[in-house]
Amino acid sequence: MKCPYCGASDTQVVETRLGEDGASIRRRRRCAACDKRFTTFETAEVRLPTVVKQQGERQDFSREKLREGFRRALHKRPVPTELVDEAIQRVVQKLLALGEREVTSRYVGELVMAELKRLDKVAYIRFASVYRAFQDIDDFRDAIRDVSGESDTGNGK
């Protein structure tokens, strides 16, 4: 580690402690050249995967885009912000747990749909109708059956 005062690369760790947040390590260091002390912090670098769009374009994962998708689907629906934040965090955790460098936008969309299905059935149908590009009323009917747990028994319902 280079000394921020003199630029020398010969520094020694004098003290190591767990950071206040519990997710970092705080180190006190001393420069062998100028004898000044300074503090460094170490944290794990966790990187979300790149999202591969249907046309092959690659984009960095964006929590803001994810939040916007939830916001649009849940527009004027009685779902508390805390529950939305928890759902977003679950999607992010599932993506991190994959350990992959890239994921398809389709996979992210399926994760969002699963969370919306748990949060609000109307929001789920809204999102599914856009995400799956519903073409007619039968597509809506199938999605409603899916969300309500009905099976197609062939009796006209």
Protein backbone atom coordinates (compact mmCIF):
# COMPACT_ATOMS: atom_id res chain seq x y z
CA MET A 1 0.00 0.00 0.00
CA LYS A 2 1.42 3.36 -1.02
CA CYS A 3 1.78 6.07 1.62
CA PRO A 4 -0.62 8.95 0.81
CA TYR A 5 1.90 11.45 2.26
CA CYS A 6 5.22 10.55 0.63
CA GLY A 7 4.29 7.88 -1.93
CA ALA A 8 6.60 5.24 -0.50
CA SER A 9 5.38 1.68 -0.97
CA ASP A 10 6.85 0.30 2.26
CA THR A 11 4.03 0.51 4.80
CA GLN A 12 3.24 -1.68 7.78
CA VAL A 13 -0.10 -2.63 9.32
CA VAL A 14 -0.11 -1.43 12.94
CA GLU A 15 -3.69 -2.32 13.90
CA THR A 16 -6.61 -4.18 12.31
CA ARG A 17 -10.27 -3.91 13.36
CA LEU A 18 -13.65 -4.86 11.97
CA GLY A 19 -15.36 -1.80 10.50
CA GLU A 20 -18.41 -0.27 12.18
CA ASP A 21 -20.69 -1.71 9.49
CA GLY A 22 -19.32 -5.22 10.00
CA ALA A 23 -18.74 -5.52 6.25
CA SER A 24 -15.29 -3.95 6.10
CA ILE A 25 -11.90 -4.15 7.77
CA ARG A 26 -10.23 -1.01 9.08
CA ARG A 27 -6.43 -1.00 9.11
CA ARG A 28 -4.09 1.54 10.67
CA ARG A 29 -0.83 1.69 8.75
CA ARG A 30 2.55 3.31 9.31
CA CYS A 31 4.88 4.44 6.57
CA ALA A 32 8.45 3.18 7.04
CA ALA A 33 9.85 6.14 5.08
CA CYS A 34 8.10 9.18 6.63
CA ASP A 35 6.73 7.52 9.81
CA LYS A 36 3.23 8.98 9.26
CA ARG A 37 0.13 6.94 10.01
CA PHE A 38 -3.00 6.55 7.93
CA THR A 39 -6.16 4.42 7.81
CA THR A 40 -7.33 2.13 5.02
CA PHE A 41 -10.56 0.17 4.64
CA GLU A 42 -11.03 -3.14 2.87
CA THR A 43 -14.40 -4.29 1.58
CA ALA A 44 -15.45 -7.20 -0.60
CA GLU A 45 -16.22 -6.17 -4.14
CA VAL A 46 -19.51 -7.71 -5.14
CA ARG A 47 -20.50 -7.13 -8.71
CA LEU A 48 -23.92 -7.76 -10.15
CA PRO A 49 -24.01 -9.56 -13.48
CA THR A 50 -24.30 -7.84 -16.84
CA VAL A 51 -27.76 -8.11 -18.37
CA VAL A 52 -27.92 -9.50 -21.91
CA LYS A 53 -30.94 -8.07 -23.75
CA GLN A 54 -32.94 -10.04 -26.34
CA GLN A 55 -31.11 -8.38 -29.24
CA GLY A 56 -27.73 -9.30 -27.70
CA GLU A 57 -26.95 -5.85 -26.28
CA ARG A 58 -25.21 -5.94 -22.90
CA GLN A 59 -25.98 -3.48 -20.10
CA ASP A 60 -24.82 -3.11 -16.53
CA PHE A 61 -27.47 -4.24 -14.08
CA SER A 62 -29.42 -1.22 -12.81
CA ARG A 63 -31.31 -1.20 -9.53
CA GLU A 64 -33.04 1.95 -10.77
CA LYS A 65 -34.41 0.13 -13.84
CA LEU A 66 -35.53 -2.70 -11.59
CA ARG A 67 -37.24 -0.26 -9.22
CA GLU A 68 -38.90 1.51 -12.17
CA GLY A 69 -40.33 -1.80 -13.40
CA PHE A 70 -41.83 -2.47 -9.99
CA ARG A 71 -43.10 1.12 -9.74
CA ARG A 72 -44.91 0.93 -13.07
CA ALA A 73 -46.51 -2.41 -12.33
CA LEU A 74 -47.56 -1.31 -8.84
CA HIS A 75 -48.86 2.13 -9.89
CA LYS A 76 -51.85 3.02 -7.65
CA ARG A 77 -51.73 -0.36 -5.94
CA PRO A 78 -51.84 -0.63 -2.11
CA VAL A 79 -48.38 -2.14 -1.62
CA PRO A 80 -46.09 -0.59 1.03
CA THR A 81 -42.69 0.68 -0.11
CA GLU A 82 -40.98 -1.58 2.43
CA LEU A 83 -42.39 -4.67 0.75
CA VAL A 84 -41.27 -3.42 -2.66
CA ASP A 85 -37.77 -2.76 -1.29
CA GLU A 86 -37.66 -6.29 0.13
CA ALA A 87 -38.77 -7.76 -3.20
CA ILE A 88 -36.07 -5.80 -5.04
CA GLN A 89 -33.49 -7.01 -2.54
CA ARG A 90 -34.59 -10.62 -3.09
CA VAL A 91 -34.14 -10.23 -6.85
CA VAL A 92 -30.67 -8.74 -6.33
CA GLN A 93 -29.70 -11.50 -3.89
CA LYS A 94 -30.82 -14.20 -6.33
CA LEU A 95 -28.72 -12.59 -9.06
CA LEU A 96 -25.68 -12.40 -6.78
CA ALA A 97 -26.17 -15.99 -5.62
CA LEU A 98 -25.97 -17.18 -9.22
CA GLY A 99 -22.34 -16.13 -9.34
CA GLU A 100 -22.64 -15.55 -13.09
CA ARG A 101 -21.02 -12.70 -15.01
CA GLU A 102 -24.02 -12.39 -17.33
CA VAL A 103 -27.75 -13.10 -17.10
CA THR A 104 -30.47 -12.69 -19.68
CA SER A 105 -33.07 -9.96 -19.37
CA ARG A 106 -35.64 -12.75 -19.62
CA TYR A 107 -34.30 -14.31 -16.41
CA VAL A 108 -34.45 -10.96 -14.59
CA GLY A 109 -38.02 -10.49 -15.86
CA GLU A 110 -39.03 -13.91 -14.55
CA LEU A 111 -37.60 -13.04 -11.12
CA VAL A 112 -39.58 -9.79 -11.13
CA MET A 113 -42.77 -11.60 -12.14
CA ALA A 114 -42.34 -14.10 -9.31
CA GLU A 115 -41.98 -11.25 -6.80
CA LEU A 116 -44.95 -9.33 -8.22
CA LYS A 117 -47.07 -12.48 -8.05
CA ARG A 118 -46.36 -12.59 -4.30
CA LEU A 119 -46.94 -8.85 -3.79
CA ASP A 120 -50.00 -8.02 -5.85
CA LYS A 121 -51.93 -10.04 -8.42
CA VAL A 122 -53.03 -7.00 -10.45
CA ALA A 123 -49.45 -5.73 -10.68
CA TYR A 124 -48.38 -9.20 -11.78
CA ILE A 125 -50.94 -9.19 -14.62
CA ARG A 126 -49.88 -5.66 -15.66
CA PHE A 127 -46.22 -6.60 -15.79
CA ALA A 128 -46.88 -9.94 -17.51
CA SER A 129 -49.02 -8.29 -20.18
CA VAL A 130 -46.16 -6.02 -21.21
CA TYR A 131 -43.32 -8.44 -20.54
CA ARG A 132 -44.92 -11.32 -22.42
CA ALA A 133 -46.46 -9.01 -25.05
CA PHE A 134 -50.03 -10.24 -24.69
CA GLN A 135 -51.79 -10.24 -28.05
CA ASP A 136 -55.41 -10.89 -27.13
CA ILE A 137 -57.87 -11.51 -24.31
CA ASP A 138 -56.95 -15.20 -24.16
CA ASP A 139 -53.45 -14.25 -23.02
CA PHE A 140 -54.97 -12.25 -20.16
CA ARG A 141 -57.35 -15.08 -19.32
CA ASP A 142 -54.45 -17.55 -19.13
CA ALA A 143 -52.45 -15.20 -16.88
CA ILE A 144 -55.44 -14.69 -14.59
CA ARG A 145 -55.93 -18.44 -14.33
CA ASP A 146 -52.25 -18.80 -13.52
CA VAL A 147 -52.35 -16.17 -10.79
CA SER A 148 -55.60 -17.39 -9.27
CA GLY A 149 -54.53 -21.02 -9.28
CA GLU A 150 -57.38 -22.15 -11.53
CA SER A 151 -56.83 -24.96 -13.96
CA ASP A 152 -58.34 -25.19 -17.40
CA THR A 153 -60.95 -27.91 -16.99
CA GLY A 154 -62.56 -27.41 -20.37
CA ASN A 155 -65.91 -26.42 -18.88
CA GLY A 156 -65.96 -22.96 -20.47
CA LYS A 157 -64.89 -21.06 -17.35
